[in-house]
Amino acid sequence: MNNIIKRMTGIAALEGQWLRRRHFDQEVLTHVAERIKQSEATHTGELVLAIEGVMPSHETNPHLRALEVYGRLRVWDTPLNSGVLLYLALDQRAIEIIADRGITATQPQWQQVCARLQARFAQAEYIDGLLAAVDEIEAILKEHAPLGDNEANVLPNDPVLL
């Protein structure tokens, strides 16, 4: 079924909520938070994961919504400008990564992480795919995060459910 029809009929919203409840329960979120915490010990980047079951009606573009969430969650508010948002819009089957200006990674690097995660999600490998994406982001941040104090964990490690 076409994505526009899914949105218009409300099927996409139901599917997004179902995916969030089915694959991202508290146990999984706790495991991902621990993995983010471990990752952040190896670089100065600050990773925030935001999972949205259904995008709000005021914003239908996943990239623009990711920018909005990036601002609202204050991912930009780190001492080294090293915040990174991994945004999942489950109803749209969209994945976006927004990185602050202190991260020198290229857009194609982030797009590759998104594409691989999208492929894993398409195979219903939600948890393994997400953990692999965190590992890929960690590798990028090890290379491209600014030098500095990696003890300053200013953003929460717990995934945010929207």
N, C-alpha and C. Protein backbone atom coordinates (compact mmCIF):
# COMPACT_ATOMS: atom_id res chain seq x y z
N MET A 1 0.85 -1.18 0.00
CA MET A 1 0.00 0.00 0.00
C MET A 1 0.89 1.24 0.00
N ASN A 2 0.56 2.18 -0.79
CA ASN A 2 1.28 3.43 -0.96
C ASN A 2 1.28 4.24 0.35
N ASN A 3 2.41 4.93 0.65
CA ASN A 3 2.56 5.69 1.90
C ASN A 3 1.54 6.80 2.05
N ILE A 4 1.16 7.45 0.97
CA ILE A 4 0.17 8.53 1.04
C ILE A 4 -1.18 7.97 1.47
N ILE A 5 -1.56 6.85 0.89
CA ILE A 5 -2.83 6.21 1.27
C ILE A 5 -2.77 5.75 2.72
N LYS A 6 -1.64 5.20 3.14
CA LYS A 6 -1.49 4.77 4.54
C LYS A 6 -1.67 5.96 5.49
N ARG A 7 -1.09 7.11 5.14
CA ARG A 7 -1.23 8.30 5.99
C ARG A 7 -2.66 8.79 6.01
N MET A 8 -3.28 8.84 4.85
CA MET A 8 -4.65 9.37 4.75
C MET A 8 -5.66 8.50 5.49
N THR A 9 -5.45 7.21 5.48
CA THR A 9 -6.40 6.30 6.13
C THR A 9 -6.09 6.08 7.61
N GLY A 10 -4.93 6.55 8.06
CA GLY A 10 -4.55 6.35 9.46
C GLY A 10 -3.83 5.04 9.71
N ILE A 11 -3.65 4.25 8.67
CA ILE A 11 -2.96 2.96 8.83
C ILE A 11 -1.50 3.18 9.24
N ALA A 12 -0.87 4.21 8.69
CA ALA A 12 0.53 4.48 9.04
C ALA A 12 0.67 4.79 10.53
N ALA A 13 -0.27 5.55 11.08
CA ALA A 13 -0.23 5.89 12.51
C ALA A 13 -0.40 4.63 13.36
N LEU A 14 -1.33 3.79 13.00
CA LEU A 14 -1.52 2.54 13.75
C LEU A 14 -0.28 1.66 13.66
N GLU A 15 0.28 1.59 12.47
CA GLU A 15 1.47 0.78 12.27
C GLU A 15 2.65 1.32 13.08
N GLY A 16 2.81 2.64 13.10
CA GLY A 16 3.89 3.26 13.87
C GLY A 16 3.77 2.98 15.35
N GLN A 17 2.54 3.12 15.88
CA GLN A 17 2.33 2.84 17.31
C GLN A 17 2.58 1.36 17.61
N TRP A 18 2.13 0.49 16.72
CA TRP A 18 2.34 -0.95 16.92
C TRP A 18 3.84 -1.27 16.92
N LEU A 19 4.59 -0.72 15.97
CA LEU A 19 6.02 -0.97 15.90
C LEU A 19 6.72 -0.51 17.18
N ARG A 20 6.34 0.67 17.66
CA ARG A 20 6.97 1.18 18.88
C ARG A 20 6.69 0.28 20.07
N ARG A 21 5.44 -0.13 20.24
CA ARG A 21 5.09 -0.98 21.38
C ARG A 21 5.69 -2.38 21.25
N ARG A 22 5.72 -2.90 20.05
CA ARG A 22 6.17 -4.28 19.81
C ARG A 22 7.67 -4.43 19.93
N HIS A 23 8.42 -3.46 19.42
CA HIS A 23 9.87 -3.63 19.31
C HIS A 23 10.70 -2.75 20.24
N PHE A 24 10.10 -1.75 20.85
CA PHE A 24 10.87 -0.82 21.67
C PHE A 24 10.29 -0.73 23.07
N ASP A 25 10.24 -1.88 23.76
CA ASP A 25 9.72 -1.91 25.13
C ASP A 25 10.80 -1.40 26.09
N GLN A 26 10.47 -1.33 27.38
CA GLN A 26 11.39 -0.76 28.36
C GLN A 26 12.70 -1.53 28.45
N GLU A 27 12.64 -2.84 28.32
CA GLU A 27 13.88 -3.64 28.38
C GLU A 27 14.82 -3.27 27.23
N VAL A 28 14.28 -3.15 26.05
CA VAL A 28 15.09 -2.78 24.88
C VAL A 28 15.65 -1.37 25.06
N LEU A 29 14.81 -0.44 25.50
CA LEU A 29 15.25 0.95 25.67
C LEU A 29 16.36 1.05 26.72
N THR A 30 16.26 0.27 27.78
CA THR A 30 17.30 0.26 28.81
C THR A 30 18.60 -0.29 28.24
N HIS A 31 18.51 -1.34 27.44
CA HIS A 31 19.70 -1.92 26.79
C HIS A 31 20.35 -0.91 25.84
N VAL A 32 19.55 -0.21 25.07
CA VAL A 32 20.08 0.79 24.14
C VAL A 32 20.72 1.93 24.91
N ALA A 33 20.10 2.37 26.00
CA ALA A 33 20.67 3.44 26.83
C ALA A 33 22.04 3.04 27.37
N GLU A 34 22.16 1.82 27.81
CA GLU A 34 23.45 1.33 28.31
C GLU A 34 24.49 1.31 27.20
N ARG A 35 24.07 0.90 26.00
CA ARG A 35 24.99 0.87 24.85
C ARG A 35 25.44 2.28 24.49
N ILE A 36 24.53 3.25 24.54
CA ILE A 36 24.88 4.65 24.27
C ILE A 36 25.88 5.14 25.32
N LYS A 37 25.63 4.81 26.57
CA LYS A 37 26.53 5.22 27.66
C LYS A 37 27.93 4.65 27.43
N GLN A 38 28.02 3.37 27.08
CA GLN A 38 29.32 2.75 26.79
C GLN A 38 30.01 3.43 25.62
N SER A 39 29.24 3.73 24.59
CA SER A 39 29.78 4.38 23.40
C SER A 39 30.37 5.75 23.73
N GLU A 40 29.65 6.51 24.53
CA GLU A 40 30.08 7.87 24.84
C GLU A 40 31.35 7.92 25.68
N ALA A 41 31.75 6.79 26.26
CA ALA A 41 33.00 6.74 27.01
C ALA A 41 34.21 6.71 26.08
N THR A 42 33.98 6.51 24.77
CA THR A 42 35.09 6.36 23.82
C THR A 42 35.29 7.59 22.93
N HIS A 43 34.49 8.62 23.10
CA HIS A 43 34.60 9.82 22.27
C HIS A 43 33.91 10.98 22.99
N THR A 44 33.94 12.16 22.40
CA THR A 44 33.31 13.32 23.04
C THR A 44 31.93 13.64 22.47
N GLY A 45 31.44 12.82 21.59
CA GLY A 45 30.10 13.04 21.04
C GLY A 45 29.03 12.70 22.06
N GLU A 46 27.84 13.26 21.87
CA GLU A 46 26.67 13.02 22.72
C GLU A 46 25.54 12.55 21.83
N LEU A 47 25.18 11.28 21.93
CA LEU A 47 24.14 10.69 21.09
C LEU A 47 22.80 10.68 21.82
N VAL A 48 21.78 11.17 21.13
CA VAL A 48 20.41 11.12 21.63
C VAL A 48 19.58 10.34 20.61
N LEU A 49 18.83 9.37 21.10
CA LEU A 49 17.93 8.59 20.26
C LEU A 49 16.50 9.03 20.55
N ALA A 50 15.79 9.45 19.51
CA ALA A 50 14.38 9.82 19.64
C ALA A 50 13.56 8.91 18.74
N ILE A 51 12.55 8.27 19.34
CA ILE A 51 11.68 7.34 18.60
C ILE A 51 10.27 7.90 18.62
N GLU A 52 9.74 8.15 17.44
CA GLU A 52 8.40 8.71 17.34
C GLU A 52 7.52 7.71 16.61
N GLY A 53 6.47 7.25 17.29
CA GLY A 53 5.55 6.30 16.68
C GLY A 53 4.76 6.94 15.55
N VAL A 54 4.30 8.17 15.79
CA VAL A 54 3.49 8.89 14.80
C VAL A 54 3.94 10.34 14.76
N MET A 55 4.37 10.79 13.59
CA MET A 55 4.76 12.19 13.44
C MET A 55 3.54 13.08 13.61
N PRO A 56 3.71 14.25 14.22
CA PRO A 56 2.57 15.15 14.40
C PRO A 56 2.07 15.70 13.06
N SER A 57 0.83 16.07 13.03
CA SER A 57 0.22 16.53 11.78
C SER A 57 0.80 17.85 11.29
N HIS A 58 1.39 18.65 12.18
CA HIS A 58 1.94 19.94 11.75
C HIS A 58 3.23 19.80 10.94
N GLU A 59 3.84 18.62 10.96
CA GLU A 59 5.08 18.43 10.21
C GLU A 59 5.07 17.06 9.53
N THR A 60 5.03 17.07 8.22
CA THR A 60 4.96 15.81 7.48
C THR A 60 6.30 15.41 6.85
N ASN A 61 7.30 16.29 6.96
CA ASN A 61 8.61 16.01 6.40
C ASN A 61 9.51 15.48 7.52
N PRO A 62 9.97 14.23 7.43
CA PRO A 62 10.77 13.65 8.51
C PRO A 62 12.06 14.41 8.82
N HIS A 63 12.71 14.96 7.80
CA HIS A 63 13.95 15.72 8.06
C HIS A 63 13.65 16.99 8.85
N LEU A 64 12.60 17.70 8.45
CA LEU A 64 12.25 18.91 9.19
C LEU A 64 11.79 18.59 10.61
N ARG A 65 11.08 17.48 10.76
CA ARG A 65 10.67 17.05 12.10
C ARG A 65 11.90 16.70 12.94
N ALA A 66 12.88 16.04 12.35
CA ALA A 66 14.11 15.71 13.08
C ALA A 66 14.81 16.98 13.54
N LEU A 67 14.84 18.00 12.69
CA LEU A 67 15.44 19.27 13.09
C LEU A 67 14.68 19.90 14.26
N GLU A 68 13.36 19.80 14.21
CA GLU A 68 12.53 20.32 15.30
C GLU A 68 12.82 19.57 16.61
N VAL A 69 12.88 18.26 16.54
CA VAL A 69 13.15 17.44 17.72
C VAL A 69 14.56 17.74 18.24
N TYR A 70 15.51 17.89 17.34
CA TYR A 70 16.89 18.24 17.69
C TYR A 70 16.91 19.50 18.55
N GLY A 71 16.16 20.49 18.13
CA GLY A 71 16.08 21.73 18.89
C GLY A 71 15.34 21.58 20.21
N ARG A 72 14.20 20.93 20.18
CA ARG A 72 13.40 20.77 21.40
C ARG A 72 14.10 19.95 22.47
N LEU A 73 14.85 18.95 22.06
CA LEU A 73 15.59 18.13 23.02
C LEU A 73 16.94 18.75 23.40
N ARG A 74 17.24 19.89 22.80
CA ARG A 74 18.46 20.65 23.09
C ARG A 74 19.73 19.83 22.82
N VAL A 75 19.69 19.07 21.75
CA VAL A 75 20.85 18.26 21.38
C VAL A 75 22.02 19.17 21.01
N TRP A 76 21.74 20.36 20.58
CA TRP A 76 22.77 21.33 20.23
C TRP A 76 23.47 21.91 21.45
N ASP A 77 22.92 21.71 22.64
CA ASP A 77 23.39 22.40 23.84
C ASP A 77 24.45 21.58 24.58
N THR A 78 25.59 21.38 23.93
CA THR A 78 26.71 20.67 24.54
C THR A 78 27.94 21.58 24.50
N PRO A 79 28.84 21.45 25.47
CA PRO A 79 30.00 22.34 25.53
C PRO A 79 30.87 22.30 24.27
N LEU A 80 30.95 21.14 23.63
CA LEU A 80 31.83 21.00 22.46
C LEU A 80 31.05 20.99 21.14
N ASN A 81 29.77 21.35 21.17
CA ASN A 81 28.94 21.31 19.96
C ASN A 81 29.03 19.93 19.31
N SER A 82 28.87 18.91 20.15
CA SER A 82 29.09 17.54 19.70
C SER A 82 27.85 16.65 19.84
N GLY A 83 26.67 17.25 19.81
CA GLY A 83 25.44 16.47 19.91
C GLY A 83 25.05 15.85 18.59
N VAL A 84 24.50 14.63 18.67
CA VAL A 84 24.02 13.91 17.48
C VAL A 84 22.66 13.33 17.82
N LEU A 85 21.69 13.58 16.96
CA LEU A 85 20.35 13.02 17.12
C LEU A 85 20.13 11.91 16.11
N LEU A 86 19.74 10.74 16.60
CA LEU A 86 19.27 9.66 15.74
C LEU A 86 17.76 9.64 15.91
N TYR A 87 17.04 10.01 14.86
CA TYR A 87 15.59 10.18 14.91
C TYR A 87 14.92 9.09 14.08
N LEU A 88 13.97 8.39 14.70
CA LEU A 88 13.19 7.37 14.01
C LEU A 88 11.73 7.79 13.97
N ALA A 89 11.17 7.91 12.78
CA ALA A 89 9.74 8.18 12.60
C ALA A 89 9.13 6.88 12.10
N LEU A 90 8.60 6.09 13.02
CA LEU A 90 8.16 4.74 12.68
C LEU A 90 6.99 4.73 11.71
N ASP A 91 6.05 5.66 11.83
CA ASP A 91 4.91 5.67 10.92
C ASP A 91 5.31 6.00 9.49
N GLN A 92 6.37 6.77 9.34
CA GLN A 92 6.86 7.13 8.02
C GLN A 92 7.97 6.22 7.53
N ARG A 93 8.42 5.34 8.43
CA ARG A 93 9.58 4.49 8.15
C ARG A 93 10.76 5.33 7.71
N ALA A 94 10.97 6.42 8.47
CA ALA A 94 12.04 7.37 8.14
C ALA A 94 13.06 7.40 9.27
N ILE A 95 14.32 7.57 8.88
CA ILE A 95 15.43 7.65 9.82
C ILE A 95 16.25 8.86 9.42
N GLU A 96 16.56 9.70 10.41
CA GLU A 96 17.35 10.90 10.16
C GLU A 96 18.44 11.00 11.23
N ILE A 97 19.58 11.52 10.84
CA ILE A 97 20.64 11.84 11.79
C ILE A 97 20.97 13.31 11.61
N ILE A 98 20.92 14.04 12.72
CA ILE A 98 21.29 15.45 12.73
C ILE A 98 22.48 15.60 13.67
N ALA A 99 23.58 16.16 13.17
CA ALA A 99 24.79 16.33 13.98
C ALA A 99 25.12 17.81 14.12
N ASP A 100 25.60 18.16 15.29
CA ASP A 100 25.98 19.54 15.58
C ASP A 100 27.24 19.93 14.79
N ARG A 101 27.51 21.19 14.77
CA ARG A 101 28.60 21.73 13.94
C ARG A 101 29.99 21.31 14.41
N GLY A 102 30.14 20.83 15.63
CA GLY A 102 31.44 20.38 16.11
C GLY A 102 31.84 19.00 15.61
N ILE A 103 30.90 18.30 14.99
CA ILE A 103 31.18 16.97 14.44
C ILE A 103 31.57 17.14 12.98
N THR A 104 32.72 16.64 12.60
CA THR A 104 33.23 16.88 11.24
C THR A 104 32.87 15.78 10.24
N ALA A 105 32.03 14.84 10.63
CA ALA A 105 31.63 13.78 9.70
C ALA A 105 30.83 14.37 8.54
N THR A 106 30.84 13.67 7.42
CA THR A 106 30.14 14.16 6.24
C THR A 106 28.71 13.63 6.20
N GLN A 107 27.88 14.32 5.46
CA GLN A 107 26.49 13.89 5.30
C GLN A 107 26.39 12.48 4.69
N PRO A 108 27.21 12.14 3.69
CA PRO A 108 27.14 10.77 3.17
C PRO A 108 27.43 9.70 4.23
N GLN A 109 28.30 9.99 5.19
CA GLN A 109 28.56 9.03 6.26
C GLN A 109 27.29 8.77 7.08
N TRP A 110 26.58 9.85 7.42
CA TRP A 110 25.34 9.70 8.19
C TRP A 110 24.28 8.99 7.36
N GLN A 111 24.22 9.32 6.07
CA GLN A 111 23.23 8.70 5.19
C GLN A 111 23.47 7.19 5.07
N GLN A 112 24.72 6.77 5.08
CA GLN A 112 25.02 5.34 5.02
C GLN A 112 24.52 4.63 6.28
N VAL A 113 24.70 5.26 7.44
CA VAL A 113 24.19 4.67 8.69
C VAL A 113 22.67 4.53 8.59
N CYS A 114 22.00 5.59 8.12
CA CYS A 114 20.54 5.55 7.99
C CYS A 114 20.09 4.47 7.01
N ALA A 115 20.79 4.35 5.89
CA ALA A 115 20.42 3.35 4.87
C ALA A 115 20.59 1.93 5.41
N ARG A 116 21.67 1.68 6.13
CA ARG A 116 21.88 0.34 6.69
C ARG A 116 20.83 0.04 7.77
N LEU A 117 20.50 1.02 8.58
CA LEU A 117 19.48 0.82 9.61
C LEU A 117 18.12 0.60 8.96
N GLN A 118 17.83 1.35 7.91
CA GLN A 118 16.57 1.16 7.17
C GLN A 118 16.48 -0.26 6.61
N ALA A 119 17.58 -0.76 6.08
CA ALA A 119 17.59 -2.11 5.53
C ALA A 119 17.37 -3.15 6.64
N ARG A 120 17.96 -2.95 7.80
CA ARG A 120 17.76 -3.87 8.92
C ARG A 120 16.31 -3.83 9.40
N PHE A 121 15.73 -2.63 9.47
CA PHE A 121 14.33 -2.50 9.86
C PHE A 121 13.42 -3.20 8.85
N ALA A 122 13.75 -3.08 7.57
CA ALA A 122 12.94 -3.74 6.53
C ALA A 122 12.95 -5.25 6.69
N GLN A 123 13.99 -5.79 7.32
CA GLN A 123 14.09 -7.23 7.58
C GLN A 123 13.57 -7.58 8.97
N ALA A 124 12.92 -6.59 9.63
CA ALA A 124 12.37 -6.75 10.98
C ALA A 124 13.45 -7.03 12.02
N GLU A 125 14.65 -6.52 11.79
CA GLU A 125 15.76 -6.64 12.74
C GLU A 125 15.88 -5.32 13.50
N TYR A 126 14.87 -5.01 14.28
CA TYR A 126 14.80 -3.71 14.93
C TYR A 126 15.86 -3.52 15.99
N ILE A 127 15.97 -4.43 16.92
CA ILE A 127 16.90 -4.26 18.03
C ILE A 127 18.34 -4.39 17.55
N ASP A 128 18.64 -5.47 16.81
CA ASP A 128 20.00 -5.65 16.31
C ASP A 128 20.40 -4.52 15.36
N GLY A 129 19.47 -4.09 14.54
CA GLY A 129 19.76 -2.98 13.63
C GLY A 129 20.06 -1.69 14.37
N LEU A 130 19.27 -1.42 15.40
CA LEU A 130 19.47 -0.20 16.18
C LEU A 130 20.82 -0.23 16.91
N LEU A 131 21.14 -1.37 17.51
CA LEU A 131 22.43 -1.48 18.20
C LEU A 131 23.60 -1.38 17.21
N ALA A 132 23.44 -1.92 16.04
CA ALA A 132 24.48 -1.80 15.00
C ALA A 132 24.63 -0.34 14.58
N ALA A 133 23.53 0.38 14.49
CA ALA A 133 23.59 1.81 14.13
C ALA A 133 24.32 2.59 15.22
N VAL A 134 24.06 2.29 16.48
CA VAL A 134 24.78 2.96 17.58
C VAL A 134 26.27 2.67 17.46
N ASP A 135 26.63 1.44 17.12
CA ASP A 135 28.04 1.09 16.93
C ASP A 135 28.65 1.87 15.77
N GLU A 136 27.91 2.00 14.67
CA GLU A 136 28.41 2.75 13.52
C GLU A 136 28.59 4.23 13.86
N ILE A 137 27.62 4.78 14.59
CA ILE A 137 27.72 6.18 15.01
C ILE A 137 28.92 6.35 15.93
N GLU A 138 29.14 5.38 16.82
CA GLU A 138 30.31 5.42 17.71
C GLU A 138 31.60 5.49 16.90
N ALA A 139 31.72 4.65 15.88
CA ALA A 139 32.93 4.63 15.05
C ALA A 139 33.14 5.98 14.36
N ILE A 140 32.06 6.57 13.87
CA ILE A 140 32.16 7.88 13.22
C ILE A 140 32.58 8.94 14.24
N LEU A 141 31.98 8.89 15.43
CA LEU A 141 32.30 9.90 16.44
C LEU A 141 33.72 9.74 16.98
N LYS A 142 34.23 8.53 17.04
CA LYS A 142 35.63 8.34 17.46
C LYS A 142 36.57 9.09 16.53
N GLU A 143 36.22 9.12 15.26
CA GLU A 143 37.06 9.77 14.26
C GLU A 143 36.77 11.26 14.13
N HIS A 144 35.51 11.67 14.33
CA HIS A 144 35.12 13.03 13.97
C HIS A 144 34.62 13.91 15.12
N ALA A 145 34.58 13.40 16.34
CA ALA A 145 34.15 14.24 17.46
C ALA A 145 35.33 15.10 17.90
N PRO A 146 35.05 16.29 18.35
CA PRO A 146 36.14 17.18 18.77
C PRO A 146 36.87 16.62 19.98
N LEU A 147 38.13 16.97 20.08
CA LEU A 147 38.91 16.57 21.25
C LEU A 147 38.41 17.33 22.46
N GLY A 148 38.49 16.72 23.61
CA GLY A 148 38.06 17.40 24.83
C GLY A 148 37.75 16.40 25.92
N ASP A 149 37.03 16.85 26.91
CA ASP A 149 36.70 16.05 28.08
C ASP A 149 35.52 15.14 27.77
N ASN A 150 35.77 13.82 27.67
CA ASN A 150 34.68 12.91 27.38
C ASN A 150 33.95 12.48 28.65
N GLU A 151 34.28 13.08 29.79
CA GLU A 151 33.59 12.80 31.04
C GLU A 151 32.31 13.62 31.16
N ALA A 152 32.17 14.66 30.35
CA ALA A 152 31.03 15.56 30.45
C ALA A 152 29.83 14.99 29.69
N ASN A 153 29.03 14.18 30.35
CA ASN A 153 27.84 13.61 29.75
C ASN A 153 26.66 14.54 30.06
N VAL A 154 26.38 15.47 29.16
CA VAL A 154 25.37 16.49 29.45
C VAL A 154 23.99 16.16 28.89
N LEU A 155 23.91 15.21 27.97
CA LEU A 155 22.62 14.82 27.41
C LEU A 155 22.26 13.43 27.92
N PRO A 156 20.97 13.18 28.11
CA PRO A 156 20.57 11.86 28.64
C PRO A 156 20.87 10.73 27.65
N ASN A 157 21.18 9.57 28.20
CA ASN A 157 21.43 8.40 27.37
C ASN A 157 20.15 7.63 27.07
N ASP A 158 19.13 7.82 27.89
CA ASP A 158 17.87 7.11 27.70
C ASP A 158 17.18 7.57 26.43
N PRO A 159 16.75 6.63 25.59
CA PRO A 159 16.00 7.01 24.40
C PRO A 159 14.74 7.78 24.77
N VAL A 160 14.37 8.72 23.92
CA VAL A 160 13.20 9.55 24.13
C VAL A 160 12.07 9.03 23.24
N LEU A 161 10.93 8.72 23.86
CA LEU A 161 9.77 8.31 23.09
C LEU A 161 8.88 9.53 22.89
N LEU A 162 8.55 9.82 21.65
CA LEU A 162 7.72 10.99 21.33
C LEU A 162 6.34 10.54 20.91
